[in-house]
N, C-alpha and C. Protein backbone atom coordinates (compact mmCIF):
# COMPACT_ATOMS: atom_id res chain seq x y z
N MET A 1 -6.98 9.87 32.04
CA MET A 1 -6.19 10.16 30.86
C MET A 1 -7.06 10.68 29.74
N LEU A 2 -8.18 10.01 29.48
CA LEU A 2 -9.07 10.45 28.40
C LEU A 2 -9.66 11.83 28.68
N GLU A 3 -9.88 12.14 29.95
CA GLU A 3 -10.43 13.45 30.29
C GLU A 3 -9.46 14.56 29.88
N ARG A 4 -8.18 14.34 30.05
CA ARG A 4 -7.20 15.35 29.65
C ARG A 4 -7.14 15.49 28.13
N LEU A 5 -7.33 14.41 27.41
CA LEU A 5 -7.30 14.46 25.95
C LEU A 5 -8.53 15.14 25.39
N ARG A 6 -9.64 15.04 26.11
CA ARG A 6 -10.89 15.61 25.62
C ARG A 6 -10.81 17.12 25.40
N GLY A 7 -10.00 17.80 26.17
CA GLY A 7 -9.90 19.25 26.04
C GLY A 7 -8.94 19.72 24.96
N LEU A 8 -8.22 18.80 24.35
CA LEU A 8 -7.26 19.19 23.31
C LEU A 8 -7.98 19.59 22.03
N PRO A 9 -7.47 20.61 21.37
CA PRO A 9 -8.08 20.99 20.09
C PRO A 9 -7.69 19.99 19.00
N LEU A 10 -8.67 19.30 18.47
CA LEU A 10 -8.41 18.32 17.42
C LEU A 10 -8.81 18.90 16.07
N PRO A 11 -8.09 18.57 15.02
CA PRO A 11 -8.45 19.08 13.70
C PRO A 11 -9.76 18.47 13.22
N LEU A 12 -10.48 19.24 12.45
CA LEU A 12 -11.71 18.72 11.84
C LEU A 12 -11.34 17.82 10.68
N LEU A 13 -12.06 16.73 10.55
CA LEU A 13 -11.83 15.83 9.42
C LEU A 13 -12.61 16.34 8.23
N ALA A 14 -11.90 16.68 7.20
CA ALA A 14 -12.54 17.23 6.00
C ALA A 14 -12.86 16.11 5.02
N GLY A 15 -13.80 16.36 4.15
CA GLY A 15 -14.02 15.47 3.02
C GLY A 15 -15.20 14.55 3.10
N ALA A 16 -15.66 14.18 4.29
CA ALA A 16 -16.78 13.25 4.36
C ALA A 16 -17.45 13.34 5.72
N ASN A 17 -18.75 13.05 5.75
CA ASN A 17 -19.44 12.99 7.04
C ASN A 17 -19.32 11.56 7.59
N TRP A 18 -19.87 11.33 8.78
CA TRP A 18 -19.73 10.01 9.41
C TRP A 18 -20.40 8.91 8.61
N ARG A 19 -21.54 9.18 8.04
CA ARG A 19 -22.23 8.16 7.24
C ARG A 19 -21.35 7.72 6.07
N GLU A 20 -20.76 8.70 5.37
CA GLU A 20 -19.88 8.38 4.25
C GLU A 20 -18.64 7.61 4.71
N ARG A 21 -18.13 7.94 5.89
CA ARG A 21 -16.95 7.25 6.42
C ARG A 21 -17.28 5.80 6.77
N VAL A 22 -18.46 5.56 7.34
CA VAL A 22 -18.86 4.19 7.67
C VAL A 22 -19.05 3.37 6.39
N ILE A 23 -19.68 3.97 5.39
CA ILE A 23 -19.83 3.29 4.10
C ILE A 23 -18.46 3.00 3.49
N GLY A 24 -17.56 3.97 3.57
CA GLY A 24 -16.19 3.78 3.07
C GLY A 24 -15.46 2.68 3.84
N ALA A 25 -15.66 2.63 5.15
CA ALA A 25 -15.03 1.58 5.95
C ALA A 25 -15.54 0.20 5.54
N PHE A 26 -16.83 0.10 5.26
CA PHE A 26 -17.40 -1.17 4.79
C PHE A 26 -16.82 -1.53 3.42
N GLY A 27 -16.67 -0.53 2.56
CA GLY A 27 -16.04 -0.77 1.26
C GLY A 27 -14.61 -1.26 1.42
N ALA A 28 -13.89 -0.69 2.38
CA ALA A 28 -12.51 -1.13 2.65
C ALA A 28 -12.51 -2.58 3.14
N LEU A 29 -13.46 -2.93 3.99
CA LEU A 29 -13.58 -4.30 4.47
C LEU A 29 -13.75 -5.27 3.29
N LEU A 30 -14.66 -4.93 2.40
CA LEU A 30 -14.89 -5.79 1.23
C LEU A 30 -13.67 -5.81 0.31
N GLY A 31 -13.09 -4.64 0.07
CA GLY A 31 -11.93 -4.56 -0.83
C GLY A 31 -10.73 -5.32 -0.32
N ILE A 32 -10.41 -5.16 0.96
CA ILE A 32 -9.27 -5.86 1.55
C ILE A 32 -9.54 -7.37 1.58
N GLY A 33 -10.76 -7.74 1.95
CA GLY A 33 -11.11 -9.16 1.98
C GLY A 33 -11.00 -9.81 0.61
N LEU A 34 -11.52 -9.11 -0.40
CA LEU A 34 -11.46 -9.64 -1.76
C LEU A 34 -10.02 -9.71 -2.27
N SER A 35 -9.22 -8.69 -1.97
CA SER A 35 -7.80 -8.70 -2.37
C SER A 35 -7.06 -9.86 -1.73
N GLY A 36 -7.31 -10.08 -0.45
CA GLY A 36 -6.67 -11.20 0.25
C GLY A 36 -7.07 -12.54 -0.33
N LEU A 37 -8.36 -12.68 -0.63
CA LEU A 37 -8.86 -13.93 -1.21
C LEU A 37 -8.24 -14.20 -2.58
N ILE A 38 -8.24 -13.18 -3.42
CA ILE A 38 -7.68 -13.34 -4.77
C ILE A 38 -6.19 -13.65 -4.71
N SER A 39 -5.45 -12.92 -3.88
CA SER A 39 -4.00 -13.17 -3.81
C SER A 39 -3.71 -14.55 -3.24
N THR A 40 -4.54 -15.03 -2.32
CA THR A 40 -4.36 -16.39 -1.79
C THR A 40 -4.64 -17.43 -2.87
N LEU A 41 -5.70 -17.21 -3.64
CA LEU A 41 -6.04 -18.16 -4.70
C LEU A 41 -4.99 -18.18 -5.80
N VAL A 42 -4.51 -17.01 -6.19
CA VAL A 42 -3.52 -16.93 -7.26
C VAL A 42 -2.18 -17.50 -6.81
N ALA A 43 -1.73 -17.13 -5.62
CA ALA A 43 -0.42 -17.56 -5.14
C ALA A 43 -0.45 -18.95 -4.51
N GLY A 44 -1.63 -19.39 -4.09
CA GLY A 44 -1.73 -20.69 -3.43
C GLY A 44 -1.15 -20.69 -2.03
N ASP A 45 -0.97 -19.52 -1.45
CA ASP A 45 -0.35 -19.40 -0.13
C ASP A 45 -1.16 -18.41 0.70
N PRO A 46 -1.80 -18.86 1.79
CA PRO A 46 -2.60 -17.94 2.61
C PRO A 46 -1.80 -16.78 3.17
N GLY A 47 -0.51 -16.97 3.41
CA GLY A 47 0.33 -15.90 3.93
C GLY A 47 0.57 -14.78 2.93
N MET A 48 0.41 -15.06 1.65
CA MET A 48 0.65 -14.05 0.62
C MET A 48 -0.32 -12.89 0.77
N GLY A 49 -1.57 -13.18 1.10
CA GLY A 49 -2.55 -12.12 1.30
C GLY A 49 -2.16 -11.20 2.44
N LEU A 50 -1.54 -11.76 3.48
CA LEU A 50 -1.10 -10.95 4.61
C LEU A 50 0.04 -10.03 4.22
N LEU A 51 0.90 -10.45 3.31
CA LEU A 51 1.99 -9.59 2.86
C LEU A 51 1.47 -8.33 2.18
N LEU A 52 0.35 -8.46 1.53
CA LEU A 52 -0.21 -7.32 0.81
C LEU A 52 -1.01 -6.38 1.71
N ALA A 53 -1.23 -6.79 2.95
CA ALA A 53 -2.12 -6.05 3.84
C ALA A 53 -1.71 -4.59 4.04
N ALA A 54 -0.44 -4.33 4.29
CA ALA A 54 -0.02 -2.96 4.59
C ALA A 54 -0.21 -2.01 3.41
N PRO A 55 0.36 -2.30 2.23
CA PRO A 55 0.16 -1.34 1.14
C PRO A 55 -1.28 -1.25 0.67
N ILE A 56 -2.00 -2.35 0.66
CA ILE A 56 -3.39 -2.29 0.20
C ILE A 56 -4.26 -1.61 1.25
N GLY A 57 -3.94 -1.82 2.52
CA GLY A 57 -4.68 -1.13 3.58
C GLY A 57 -4.53 0.38 3.48
N ALA A 58 -3.32 0.83 3.20
CA ALA A 58 -3.10 2.27 3.03
C ALA A 58 -3.83 2.80 1.81
N SER A 59 -3.83 2.03 0.74
CA SER A 59 -4.56 2.44 -0.47
C SER A 59 -6.05 2.51 -0.20
N ALA A 60 -6.56 1.57 0.60
CA ALA A 60 -8.00 1.52 0.89
C ALA A 60 -8.48 2.79 1.57
N VAL A 61 -7.65 3.37 2.43
CA VAL A 61 -8.05 4.62 3.09
C VAL A 61 -8.29 5.71 2.06
N LEU A 62 -7.39 5.85 1.11
CA LEU A 62 -7.56 6.86 0.07
C LEU A 62 -8.73 6.54 -0.85
N VAL A 63 -8.81 5.31 -1.32
CA VAL A 63 -9.82 4.93 -2.31
C VAL A 63 -11.23 5.02 -1.73
N PHE A 64 -11.42 4.54 -0.50
CA PHE A 64 -12.77 4.46 0.04
C PHE A 64 -13.17 5.65 0.90
N ILE A 65 -12.22 6.37 1.50
CA ILE A 65 -12.57 7.48 2.37
C ILE A 65 -12.39 8.83 1.68
N VAL A 66 -11.40 8.96 0.83
CA VAL A 66 -11.16 10.22 0.11
C VAL A 66 -11.08 9.91 -1.38
N PRO A 67 -12.17 9.42 -1.97
CA PRO A 67 -12.12 8.97 -3.36
C PRO A 67 -11.84 10.07 -4.38
N SER A 68 -12.05 11.31 -4.01
CA SER A 68 -11.79 12.40 -4.96
C SER A 68 -10.33 12.84 -4.96
N SER A 69 -9.52 12.29 -4.07
CA SER A 69 -8.11 12.65 -4.02
C SER A 69 -7.39 12.19 -5.29
N PRO A 70 -6.53 13.03 -5.85
CA PRO A 70 -5.77 12.61 -7.03
C PRO A 70 -4.90 11.37 -6.74
N LEU A 71 -4.49 11.20 -5.50
CA LEU A 71 -3.65 10.06 -5.14
C LEU A 71 -4.44 8.77 -5.01
N GLY A 72 -5.77 8.87 -4.97
CA GLY A 72 -6.62 7.69 -4.83
C GLY A 72 -7.31 7.28 -6.10
N GLN A 73 -6.89 7.80 -7.22
CA GLN A 73 -7.48 7.45 -8.51
C GLN A 73 -6.88 6.13 -9.02
N PRO A 74 -7.53 5.47 -9.96
CA PRO A 74 -7.07 4.14 -10.40
C PRO A 74 -5.61 4.08 -10.85
N TRP A 75 -5.16 5.02 -11.68
CA TRP A 75 -3.79 4.93 -12.17
C TRP A 75 -2.76 5.07 -11.05
N PRO A 76 -2.86 6.06 -10.17
CA PRO A 76 -1.89 6.11 -9.08
C PRO A 76 -1.94 4.89 -8.16
N VAL A 77 -3.13 4.38 -7.88
CA VAL A 77 -3.23 3.22 -6.99
C VAL A 77 -2.58 1.99 -7.62
N ILE A 78 -2.96 1.66 -8.83
CA ILE A 78 -2.44 0.46 -9.48
C ILE A 78 -1.00 0.68 -9.94
N GLY A 79 -0.78 1.73 -10.71
CA GLY A 79 0.56 1.99 -11.23
C GLY A 79 1.57 2.24 -10.13
N GLY A 80 1.19 3.02 -9.13
CA GLY A 80 2.11 3.32 -8.03
C GLY A 80 2.54 2.08 -7.27
N ASN A 81 1.59 1.20 -6.99
CA ASN A 81 1.94 -0.03 -6.27
C ASN A 81 2.77 -0.98 -7.12
N VAL A 82 2.46 -1.09 -8.40
CA VAL A 82 3.24 -1.99 -9.27
C VAL A 82 4.66 -1.46 -9.47
N VAL A 83 4.79 -0.19 -9.81
CA VAL A 83 6.12 0.41 -10.00
C VAL A 83 6.96 0.26 -8.73
N SER A 84 6.34 0.51 -7.59
CA SER A 84 7.06 0.45 -6.32
C SER A 84 7.47 -0.97 -5.95
N THR A 85 6.58 -1.92 -6.18
CA THR A 85 6.91 -3.31 -5.88
C THR A 85 8.06 -3.78 -6.76
N LEU A 86 8.03 -3.40 -8.03
CA LEU A 86 9.15 -3.75 -8.93
C LEU A 86 10.46 -3.15 -8.43
N ALA A 87 10.40 -1.91 -7.95
CA ALA A 87 11.61 -1.27 -7.41
C ALA A 87 12.11 -2.02 -6.19
N GLY A 88 11.21 -2.45 -5.33
CA GLY A 88 11.61 -3.19 -4.13
C GLY A 88 12.22 -4.54 -4.46
N ILE A 89 11.62 -5.25 -5.39
CA ILE A 89 12.15 -6.57 -5.77
C ILE A 89 13.53 -6.41 -6.43
N ALA A 90 13.68 -5.40 -7.28
CA ALA A 90 14.97 -5.16 -7.92
C ALA A 90 16.03 -4.82 -6.87
N ALA A 91 15.69 -3.98 -5.91
CA ALA A 91 16.64 -3.63 -4.86
C ALA A 91 17.04 -4.86 -4.05
N ALA A 92 16.07 -5.73 -3.77
CA ALA A 92 16.38 -6.95 -3.01
C ALA A 92 17.31 -7.87 -3.80
N HIS A 93 17.08 -7.97 -5.10
CA HIS A 93 17.95 -8.82 -5.94
C HIS A 93 19.37 -8.26 -5.99
N TRP A 94 19.51 -6.96 -6.08
CA TRP A 94 20.82 -6.34 -6.24
C TRP A 94 21.56 -6.13 -4.92
N LEU A 95 20.78 -5.78 -3.87
CA LEU A 95 21.43 -5.34 -2.63
C LEU A 95 21.11 -6.20 -1.40
N GLY A 96 20.30 -7.21 -1.56
CA GLY A 96 19.94 -8.04 -0.40
C GLY A 96 18.71 -7.49 0.31
N HIS A 97 18.61 -7.78 1.60
CA HIS A 97 17.39 -7.45 2.34
C HIS A 97 17.63 -6.49 3.50
N GLY A 98 18.69 -5.73 3.46
CA GLY A 98 19.03 -4.83 4.55
C GLY A 98 18.47 -3.43 4.39
N ALA A 99 18.93 -2.57 5.28
CA ALA A 99 18.47 -1.19 5.32
C ALA A 99 18.83 -0.43 4.04
N LEU A 100 20.01 -0.69 3.49
CA LEU A 100 20.40 -0.01 2.26
C LEU A 100 19.43 -0.35 1.13
N ALA A 101 19.10 -1.63 1.00
CA ALA A 101 18.15 -2.04 -0.04
C ALA A 101 16.79 -1.39 0.18
N ALA A 102 16.36 -1.29 1.44
CA ALA A 102 15.07 -0.67 1.74
C ALA A 102 15.06 0.80 1.33
N GLY A 103 16.13 1.52 1.68
CA GLY A 103 16.22 2.93 1.31
C GLY A 103 16.27 3.14 -0.19
N VAL A 104 17.07 2.32 -0.86
CA VAL A 104 17.15 2.41 -2.32
C VAL A 104 15.80 2.09 -2.94
N ALA A 105 15.12 1.07 -2.43
CA ALA A 105 13.82 0.68 -2.99
C ALA A 105 12.81 1.82 -2.92
N VAL A 106 12.72 2.47 -1.76
CA VAL A 106 11.74 3.55 -1.62
C VAL A 106 12.13 4.74 -2.48
N SER A 107 13.41 5.09 -2.52
CA SER A 107 13.81 6.25 -3.32
C SER A 107 13.61 5.99 -4.82
N VAL A 108 13.95 4.79 -5.27
CA VAL A 108 13.72 4.45 -6.68
C VAL A 108 12.22 4.42 -6.98
N ALA A 109 11.43 3.93 -6.03
CA ALA A 109 9.97 3.91 -6.21
C ALA A 109 9.42 5.32 -6.37
N ILE A 110 9.90 6.25 -5.57
CA ILE A 110 9.42 7.64 -5.66
C ILE A 110 9.76 8.22 -7.03
N VAL A 111 10.99 8.01 -7.48
CA VAL A 111 11.39 8.52 -8.80
C VAL A 111 10.58 7.83 -9.90
N GLY A 112 10.41 6.52 -9.80
CA GLY A 112 9.65 5.78 -10.80
C GLY A 112 8.19 6.20 -10.86
N MET A 113 7.57 6.35 -9.69
CA MET A 113 6.17 6.79 -9.67
C MET A 113 6.04 8.20 -10.22
N SER A 114 7.00 9.05 -9.90
CA SER A 114 6.96 10.43 -10.41
C SER A 114 7.09 10.44 -11.93
N ALA A 115 8.01 9.63 -12.45
CA ALA A 115 8.20 9.57 -13.90
C ALA A 115 6.97 9.02 -14.61
N ALA A 116 6.31 8.05 -13.99
CA ALA A 116 5.12 7.44 -14.60
C ALA A 116 3.83 8.18 -14.24
N ARG A 117 3.98 9.27 -13.49
CA ARG A 117 2.83 10.10 -13.07
C ARG A 117 1.79 9.27 -12.33
N CYS A 118 2.28 8.42 -11.41
CA CYS A 118 1.37 7.58 -10.63
C CYS A 118 1.79 7.58 -9.16
N LEU A 119 2.14 8.75 -8.63
CA LEU A 119 2.57 8.86 -7.24
C LEU A 119 1.44 8.42 -6.32
N HIS A 120 1.74 7.49 -5.42
CA HIS A 120 0.75 6.95 -4.49
C HIS A 120 1.46 6.67 -3.16
N PRO A 121 0.93 7.19 -2.05
CA PRO A 121 1.62 7.05 -0.76
C PRO A 121 1.95 5.61 -0.36
N SER A 122 1.06 4.68 -0.60
CA SER A 122 1.35 3.32 -0.16
C SER A 122 2.40 2.64 -1.04
N GLY A 123 2.83 3.31 -2.10
CA GLY A 123 3.92 2.78 -2.90
C GLY A 123 5.19 2.59 -2.08
N GLY A 124 5.40 3.44 -1.09
CA GLY A 124 6.56 3.25 -0.20
C GLY A 124 6.49 1.92 0.52
N GLY A 125 5.29 1.56 0.98
CA GLY A 125 5.11 0.26 1.63
C GLY A 125 5.29 -0.88 0.66
N SER A 126 4.83 -0.70 -0.56
CA SER A 126 4.99 -1.74 -1.58
C SER A 126 6.46 -1.96 -1.91
N ALA A 127 7.23 -0.87 -1.97
CA ALA A 127 8.66 -0.99 -2.23
C ALA A 127 9.35 -1.73 -1.09
N LEU A 128 8.99 -1.40 0.14
CA LEU A 128 9.56 -2.10 1.28
C LEU A 128 9.17 -3.57 1.30
N LEU A 129 7.95 -3.86 0.90
CA LEU A 129 7.49 -5.24 0.84
C LEU A 129 8.36 -6.07 -0.10
N GLY A 130 8.77 -5.47 -1.21
CA GLY A 130 9.66 -6.18 -2.13
C GLY A 130 10.99 -6.53 -1.52
N VAL A 131 11.44 -5.72 -0.56
CA VAL A 131 12.73 -5.95 0.10
C VAL A 131 12.60 -6.91 1.28
N VAL A 132 11.61 -6.70 2.12
CA VAL A 132 11.51 -7.47 3.37
C VAL A 132 10.52 -8.62 3.29
N GLY A 133 9.91 -8.84 2.15
CA GLY A 133 8.89 -9.88 2.01
C GLY A 133 9.41 -11.29 2.12
N GLY A 134 10.70 -11.48 2.04
CA GLY A 134 11.30 -12.79 2.26
C GLY A 134 11.10 -13.77 1.12
N PRO A 135 11.20 -15.04 1.45
CA PRO A 135 11.14 -16.10 0.43
C PRO A 135 9.85 -16.11 -0.39
N ALA A 136 8.74 -15.74 0.24
CA ALA A 136 7.47 -15.76 -0.49
C ALA A 136 7.49 -14.80 -1.66
N VAL A 137 8.05 -13.62 -1.45
CA VAL A 137 8.12 -12.63 -2.52
C VAL A 137 9.18 -13.03 -3.54
N LEU A 138 10.35 -13.44 -3.06
CA LEU A 138 11.43 -13.80 -3.98
C LEU A 138 11.07 -15.01 -4.84
N ALA A 139 10.28 -15.92 -4.30
CA ALA A 139 9.88 -17.09 -5.08
C ALA A 139 9.07 -16.69 -6.31
N HIS A 140 8.30 -15.61 -6.19
CA HIS A 140 7.49 -15.14 -7.31
C HIS A 140 8.27 -14.18 -8.21
N GLY A 141 9.37 -13.64 -7.69
CA GLY A 141 10.19 -12.72 -8.48
C GLY A 141 9.40 -11.48 -8.89
N TYR A 142 9.69 -10.98 -10.08
CA TYR A 142 9.04 -9.76 -10.55
C TYR A 142 7.56 -9.97 -10.82
N ALA A 143 7.13 -11.21 -10.97
CA ALA A 143 5.70 -11.49 -11.17
C ALA A 143 4.88 -11.16 -9.93
N PHE A 144 5.54 -11.02 -8.77
CA PHE A 144 4.83 -10.65 -7.55
C PHE A 144 4.18 -9.29 -7.70
N ALA A 145 4.81 -8.41 -8.48
CA ALA A 145 4.28 -7.06 -8.67
C ALA A 145 2.97 -7.13 -9.42
């Protein structure tokens, strides 16, 4: 199977050499670990750090591997995730935890991030987290953002 894949034309990865990517991967390891530790300490719940894994993991790729990207700058990363999480929690409060709430959360997050000029790809995951995060997220309410 791998032999057949070897002949396929693969796109070149732009933006960094392997050394920079390994350093970025180590930075992501530290960043994700620190985020998980802080969220566990603040929330007092080890599972809370796991809830943040998806959106923060997506942000880590931009921040540590493509740091010059406009989407990986501090304001889009922080603002985009906060705006999106607020949208998700609001959608969950108003519409419950179903597919409609998830769709509304992501669409409101996109509009909110655009209005605040903090568009960030992992904001979609943060919005969904507000809807599907369950009791742990709802217990914290809007302060979860």
